[in-house]
Protein backbone atom coordinates (compact mmCIF):
# COMPACT_ATOMS: atom_id res chain seq x y z
CA MET A 1 23.12 -89.45 -15.87
CA GLU A 2 19.72 -91.01 -15.00
CA SER A 3 16.48 -88.40 -14.11
CA GLY A 4 15.93 -87.98 -10.70
CA TYR A 5 12.22 -88.36 -11.10
CA PHE A 6 12.87 -92.53 -11.71
CA ASN A 7 15.41 -92.30 -8.84
CA ASN A 8 11.72 -90.59 -6.57
CA LEU A 9 9.94 -93.52 -8.36
CA ARG A 10 11.83 -96.41 -6.91
CA SER A 11 11.75 -94.70 -3.58
CA HIS A 12 7.99 -95.24 -3.70
CA ASN A 13 8.16 -98.89 -5.67
CA PRO A 14 11.74 -100.71 -4.24
CA GLU A 15 11.29 -102.94 -6.71
CA ALA A 16 10.81 -101.34 -9.78
CA VAL A 17 13.96 -101.12 -11.94
CA ALA A 18 15.29 -97.27 -12.96
CA PRO A 19 14.19 -97.44 -17.24
CA ARG A 20 16.88 -96.09 -19.01
CA ASN A 21 14.84 -96.29 -22.01
CA LEU A 22 14.15 -92.46 -22.80
CA ARG A 23 10.04 -93.35 -24.19
CA LEU A 24 9.07 -94.57 -21.10
CA ARG A 25 11.18 -92.48 -19.28
CA LEU A 26 8.70 -89.41 -21.25
CA SER A 27 6.17 -91.58 -21.21
CA HIS A 28 6.09 -91.86 -17.35
CA ALA A 29 6.60 -87.26 -17.54
CA VAL A 30 3.70 -87.13 -19.79
CA SER A 31 0.75 -89.44 -16.79
CA THR A 32 2.51 -87.87 -14.44
CA LEU A 33 2.10 -84.33 -15.93
CA ARG A 34 -1.28 -84.84 -17.08
CA CYS A 35 -2.36 -85.99 -13.73
CA LEU A 36 -1.58 -82.59 -12.17
CA THR A 37 -4.13 -80.76 -14.82
CA ILE A 38 -6.70 -82.97 -14.09
CA PRO A 39 -9.07 -81.69 -10.52
CA LYS A 40 -8.62 -84.71 -8.46
CA CYS A 41 -6.15 -86.93 -10.05
CA TYR A 42 -3.19 -85.30 -8.03
CA PRO A 43 -3.79 -85.62 -3.65
CA THR A 44 -5.86 -82.47 -2.67
CA VAL A 45 -5.41 -81.07 0.48
CA ARG A 46 -7.98 -78.65 2.46
CA CYS A 47 -7.39 -75.18 3.95
CA LEU A 48 -7.89 -74.79 7.55
CA ASP A 49 -11.41 -75.18 8.96
CA ASP A 50 -12.25 -76.75 5.90
CA LYS A 51 -12.88 -73.34 4.10
CA ALA A 52 -12.28 -73.11 0.71
CA PRO A 53 -9.78 -71.08 -1.26
CA MET A 54 -10.31 -67.91 -1.98
CA GLN A 55 -9.41 -64.72 -4.72
CA ILE A 56 -8.97 -61.29 -3.51
CA PRO A 57 -10.06 -58.88 -5.43
CA ILE A 58 -7.38 -56.76 -7.67
CA ARG A 59 -7.96 -54.81 -10.82
CA HIS A 60 -5.80 -57.53 -13.04
CA GLU A 61 -8.31 -60.06 -12.84
CA TRP A 62 -6.39 -62.47 -14.86
CA GLU A 63 -3.69 -62.46 -11.56
CA GLN A 64 -6.62 -62.88 -9.51
CA GLN A 65 -5.88 -66.48 -7.98
CA ALA A 66 -6.80 -68.39 -4.91
CA PHE A 67 -5.08 -69.41 -2.06
CA CYS A 68 -5.70 -70.71 1.97
CA VAL A 69 -7.33 -67.08 2.65
CA SER A 70 -7.56 -68.90 6.31
CA ASP A 71 -4.70 -70.25 6.80
CA LEU A 72 -3.51 -66.43 6.92
CA THR A 73 -6.66 -65.46 8.87
CA GLU A 74 -5.79 -68.33 11.88
CA LYS A 75 -2.57 -66.85 12.88
CA SER A 76 -1.85 -65.14 16.06
CA SER A 77 -1.95 -61.67 15.96
CA ASP A 78 1.55 -61.81 16.97
CA ASP A 79 2.74 -63.64 14.77
CA LYS A 80 3.00 -61.69 11.40
CA CYS A 81 2.76 -64.07 8.38
CA LEU A 82 5.65 -64.08 5.57
CA ILE A 83 4.78 -63.85 2.05
CA TYR A 84 7.62 -63.82 -0.63
CA SER A 85 6.57 -62.58 -4.91
CA PHE A 86 8.72 -63.74 -7.80
CA GLY A 87 7.78 -62.27 -11.26
CA ILE A 88 5.54 -59.15 -10.58
CA ASN A 89 6.75 -57.25 -13.76
CA GLY A 90 6.38 -53.87 -11.93
CA SER A 91 3.05 -54.68 -10.41
CA THR A 92 2.56 -54.52 -6.80
CA GLU A 93 -0.97 -55.18 -6.21
CA TRP A 94 -1.34 -58.44 -5.33
CA GLU A 95 1.13 -57.77 -3.08
CA GLU A 96 -0.33 -54.25 -1.54
CA LYS A 97 -4.01 -56.32 -0.69
CA MET A 98 -2.00 -58.72 0.79
CA HIS A 99 -0.22 -56.41 3.28
CA GLU A 100 -3.69 -53.93 4.27
CA GLU A 101 -5.88 -57.14 4.36
CA PHE A 102 -3.50 -59.45 6.40
CA GLY A 103 -0.53 -56.78 7.52
CA CYS A 104 2.07 -59.47 6.40
CA GLU A 105 5.17 -58.08 5.52
CA VAL A 106 5.63 -58.68 1.91
CA PHE A 107 8.95 -59.22 -0.32
CA ALA A 108 8.40 -58.65 -4.14
CA PHE A 109 11.18 -60.36 -6.62
CA ASP A 110 11.73 -59.61 -10.11
CA PRO A 111 15.61 -59.91 -11.76
CA THR A 112 13.85 -57.96 -14.76
CA SER A 113 12.13 -54.64 -12.79
CA LYS A 114 14.25 -52.00 -11.93
CA LEU A 115 11.99 -50.46 -8.84
CA PRO A 116 12.73 -48.68 -5.74
CA ARG A 117 13.27 -50.96 -2.62
CA ASP A 118 9.82 -49.36 -0.53
CA VAL A 119 8.60 -49.97 -3.17
CA ALA A 120 4.79 -49.84 -1.47
CA PRO A 121 3.07 -50.00 1.70
CA GLY A 122 4.49 -52.78 3.24
CA VAL A 123 6.41 -54.32 0.06
CA THR A 124 10.04 -54.05 0.00
CA PHE A 125 11.49 -55.19 -3.70
CA HIS A 126 14.39 -56.61 -4.39
CA GLU A 127 16.08 -57.07 -7.93
CA ILE A 128 16.44 -60.92 -7.76
CA GLY A 129 14.66 -63.96 -8.71
CA LEU A 130 14.58 -67.71 -7.81
CA GLN A 131 17.21 -69.78 -9.24
CA GLY A 132 16.13 -73.11 -11.07
CA ASP A 133 17.33 -76.54 -12.12
CA GLU A 134 17.97 -77.87 -15.42
CA VAL A 135 16.97 -74.86 -17.26
CA ASP A 136 18.20 -72.32 -19.37
CA VAL A 137 17.03 -69.04 -18.17
CA SER A 138 17.92 -67.36 -21.28
CA LYS A 139 15.76 -69.59 -23.39
CA THR A 140 13.05 -69.59 -20.86
CA HIS A 141 10.72 -66.34 -20.54
CA SER A 142 7.45 -65.03 -22.66
CA HIS A 143 7.79 -62.95 -25.38
CA GLN A 144 6.16 -60.04 -23.14
CA TYR A 145 9.08 -59.87 -21.48
CA ASP A 146 12.82 -60.30 -20.93
CA ALA A 147 14.96 -63.00 -20.17
CA LEU A 148 16.61 -63.72 -16.99
CA ASP A 149 19.88 -62.54 -15.99
CA ALA A 150 20.87 -66.00 -14.31
CA SER A 151 23.25 -63.67 -12.17
CA LYS A 152 20.76 -62.47 -10.27
CA LEU A 153 19.55 -66.00 -9.45
CA LEU A 154 19.75 -67.22 -5.81
CA THR A 155 17.75 -70.59 -3.89
CA LEU A 156 14.89 -69.63 -1.61
CA GLY A 157 17.90 -70.71 1.17
CA GLU A 158 20.11 -68.39 0.04
CA ILE A 159 17.09 -65.58 -0.04
CA ILE A 160 15.25 -66.02 3.49
CA ASP A 161 19.28 -65.53 4.87
CA GLN A 162 19.86 -62.50 2.83
CA MET A 163 16.40 -61.34 3.49
CA GLY A 164 16.85 -61.68 7.33
CA HIS A 165 14.58 -64.54 8.03
CA THR A 166 16.71 -67.80 8.69
CA GLY A 167 13.92 -69.50 10.81
CA ARG A 168 10.84 -68.15 9.78
CA LYS A 169 8.34 -70.04 7.52
CA ILE A 170 7.33 -68.29 4.53
CA ASP A 171 4.00 -68.61 4.97
CA VAL A 172 2.75 -67.71 0.86
CA LEU A 173 5.03 -68.29 -2.07
CA ARG A 174 3.73 -66.96 -5.68
CA LEU A 175 5.96 -67.93 -8.43
CA ASP A 176 4.74 -65.95 -11.23
CA CYS A 177 7.93 -66.35 -13.56
CA GLU A 178 7.57 -67.12 -17.00
CA GLY A 179 8.45 -70.39 -17.15
CA CYS A 180 11.04 -70.05 -14.07
CA GLU A 181 8.76 -72.92 -12.64
CA TRP A 182 9.43 -76.15 -13.75
CA GLY A 183 12.85 -76.09 -12.17
CA VAL A 184 12.29 -73.69 -9.88
CA LEU A 185 9.67 -76.06 -8.45
CA LYS A 186 12.32 -79.00 -9.07
CA GLN A 187 15.10 -77.37 -6.69
CA LEU A 188 12.73 -76.36 -4.31
CA ALA A 189 11.13 -79.49 -3.41
CA CYS A 190 14.11 -82.19 -4.72
CA SER A 191 16.35 -80.61 -2.58
CA GLY A 192 14.00 -80.16 0.65
CA GLU A 193 13.46 -76.21 0.67
CA SER A 194 10.09 -76.60 0.22
CA GLU A 195 9.74 -77.53 4.18
CA LEU A 196 10.41 -73.73 4.05
CA VAL A 197 7.12 -72.84 2.62
CA GLU A 198 3.75 -73.23 4.06
CA GLN A 199 1.68 -72.13 0.65
CA LEU A 200 2.38 -72.64 -2.88
CA MET A 201 0.93 -70.61 -5.51
CA VAL A 202 2.10 -71.29 -8.92
CA GLU A 203 1.47 -69.58 -12.68
CA MET A 204 1.90 -73.29 -14.49
CA HIS A 205 3.06 -73.20 -17.71
CA PHE A 206 3.17 -75.84 -21.02
CA GLN A 207 4.34 -73.59 -24.26
CA LYS A 208 7.56 -74.06 -25.67
CA ASN A 209 9.33 -70.57 -24.46
CA LEU A 210 7.66 -70.70 -20.97
CA GLY A 211 9.58 -74.10 -19.90
CA LEU A 212 9.03 -77.01 -21.80
CA SER A 213 10.79 -77.19 -25.07
CA THR A 214 12.35 -80.63 -25.17
CA ASP A 215 12.23 -83.85 -24.21
CA GLU A 216 14.36 -82.55 -21.28
CA ASP A 217 12.18 -80.03 -19.87
CA ILE A 218 9.29 -82.10 -19.70
CA LEU A 219 11.30 -84.64 -17.35
CA THR A 220 12.42 -81.81 -15.77
CA ALA A 221 9.11 -80.80 -15.08
CA ALA A 222 8.33 -84.66 -14.09
CA ASP A 223 10.77 -84.51 -11.51
CA ALA A 224 9.07 -81.24 -9.95
CA ILE A 225 5.92 -82.77 -9.54
CA ALA A 226 7.15 -86.18 -8.14
CA CYS A 227 9.50 -84.36 -5.86
CA LEU A 228 6.18 -82.66 -4.42
CA GLU A 229 4.47 -85.28 -4.42
CA ARG A 230 7.31 -86.97 -2.43
CA GLU A 231 7.77 -83.85 -0.03
CA HIS A 232 3.62 -84.61 0.92
CA TRP A 233 2.42 -81.80 -1.13
CA GLY A 234 -1.58 -81.53 -2.51
CA VAL A 235 -3.37 -79.19 -4.50
CA ALA A 236 -5.97 -77.06 -2.57
CA SER A 237 -6.77 -75.06 -6.17
CA MET A 238 -7.12 -75.10 -9.20
CA GLU A 239 -7.83 -72.39 -11.25
CA VAL A 240 -7.34 -72.69 -15.92
CA SER A 241 -6.32 -69.93 -17.32
CA GLY A 242 -4.73 -68.64 -20.81
CA CYS A 243 -1.86 -67.65 -22.25
CA GLY A 244 -1.52 -64.85 -24.86
CA PRO A 245 -1.40 -66.28 -28.85
CA ALA A 246 2.62 -65.27 -29.54
CA ASP A 247 3.25 -67.84 -26.67
CA ALA A 248 1.12 -70.54 -28.19
CA GLN A 249 3.71 -73.20 -29.45
CA TYR A 250 4.04 -76.37 -27.79
CA HIS A 251 6.22 -79.24 -27.60
CA GLU A 252 4.59 -82.61 -28.87
CA LEU A 253 4.70 -84.58 -25.62
CA ALA A 254 3.43 -81.41 -24.63
CA LEU A 255 0.32 -81.84 -26.52
CA LYS A 256 -0.59 -84.76 -24.87
CA ILE A 257 -0.91 -82.63 -21.54
CA ILE A 258 -2.89 -79.45 -22.34
CA ARG A 259 -6.27 -78.75 -22.49
CA GLY A 260 -6.85 -75.94 -24.45
CA PRO A 261 -4.55 -73.83 -27.74
CA PHE A 262 -3.33 -71.43 -24.71
CA PHE A 263 -3.38 -73.77 -21.81
CA LEU A 264 -2.00 -72.50 -18.14
CA LEU A 265 -2.75 -73.54 -14.75
CA TYR A 266 -2.96 -71.31 -11.49
CA VAL A 267 -2.47 -74.05 -9.35
CA THR A 268 -1.62 -73.54 -5.43
CA MET A 269 -0.40 -76.02 -3.17
CA LYS A 270 0.06 -76.61 0.86
CA ARG A 271 1.13 -79.95 2.43
CA LEU A 272 -1.30 -82.75 3.27
CA PRO A 273 -1.87 -83.45 6.82
CA GLU A 274 0.38 -86.62 8.99
CA GLU A 275 -2.75 -88.27 9.06
CA GLN A 276 -3.80 -88.08 5.19
CA GLN A 277 -2.28 -91.32 2.83
CA VAL A 278 -1.35 -90.10 -0.39
CA TRP A 279 -1.24 -92.35 -3.14
CA HIS A 280 2.04 -94.12 -4.55
CA GLY A 281 3.54 -95.11 -8.00
CA TYR A 282 3.52 -93.30 -10.66
CA PRO A 283 2.38 -92.55 -13.77
CA ASN A 284 -2.00 -91.86 -12.37
CA HIS A 285 -4.18 -93.86 -9.94
CA THR A 286 -5.44 -95.91 -13.12
CA THR A 287 -2.41 -96.69 -14.81
CA SER A 288 0.24 -98.93 -13.61
CA TYR A 289 4.24 -98.77 -13.42
CA ALA A 290 4.27 -102.83 -15.13
CA HIS A 291 1.22 -101.71 -17.68
CA ILE A 292 3.14 -98.88 -19.03
CA VAL A 293 6.95 -101.21 -19.37
CA SER A 294 5.27 -104.24 -21.19
CA ASN A 295 3.45 -101.72 -23.49
CA VAL A 296 7.25 -100.22 -24.05
CA ALA A 297 8.73 -103.58 -23.98
CA ASN A 298 6.44 -104.81 -26.78
CA ASN A 299 7.05 -100.92 -28.85
CA VAL A 300 3.16 -99.59 -27.43
CA LEU A 301 3.02 -96.17 -26.02
CA PRO A 302 -0.11 -95.47 -24.38
CA GLU A 303 -2.97 -93.77 -26.31
CA TYR A 304 -2.82 -90.01 -25.10
CA GLU A 305 -5.44 -87.15 -27.40
CA THR A 306 -3.05 -85.29 -28.84
CA TYR A 307 -4.57 -81.14 -28.55
CA ASP A 308 -5.17 -80.26 -31.84
CA VAL A 309 -4.31 -76.57 -30.99
CA TYR A 310 -2.22 -75.38 -34.38
CA PRO A 311 -4.79 -74.83 -37.56
CA THR A 312 -3.95 -76.98 -40.85
CA LYS A 313 -2.23 -75.12 -43.21
CA GLU A 314 -1.06 -76.38 -46.74
CA LYS A 315 2.37 -76.35 -47.59
CA ASP A 316 4.26 -74.37 -50.03
């Protein structure tokens, strides 16, 4: 079965024929993911009133991800903001701040944590997680955390129904799920469920044990980004962060995407205004589809710099 990524590609370019050549598919996928990691390559979007994204100070500074604070402060006092945060790992500091600062109703989720339901003032905890698409959750996790139990995973629509929030928009959906984000983003964007969300705050990983271990994982991640673009999402904030050394093992193609040995990104996204035109066609602004097709037909793949994250060792 063809990857959904190229079905989306056809929707942008009706004359394009979905390629069956795996090398071509992976070449497109790498280009798409590289574009996501390069500032201003992927479509960008401003916060309300042109205010810049801001961080909410917390003790765990490495988790201070910027988002469009003004989008929350612009809401009327009788319209409470709604926050869903997935992957808290026992810490609700950020979630508590969101309630204290903005009066939001905050719901924290983690299928690997055992916490009381009323975990903090204004914060409700549930031992469930988001269901991703085409991701083996038993193998997708940091060495610091337990693997996810698939029986505790639901789609966003199912969780919204279970929480009694049908008909409400989620103002901020935060994903810090240690590798499940690519499958979750694909499920959300390609199913249309991302329409239920105003802002996405995502910790994006590129390591083998954090979501990108196989060729199919690379294609799944590219599907996710293709569907987000199709659904008119843009990048509001992008911040480079890092993973621990024990997690820094990479698929060969991921080494053509990352820009450092412990590379991960904090990306905040929101929908582009209707009047703002997004660029159409992958893999990026400068490399045309036809050019890559021609190169692959001639057994030539695009040249990408590969980051040498592994020290050279002599073989025994």
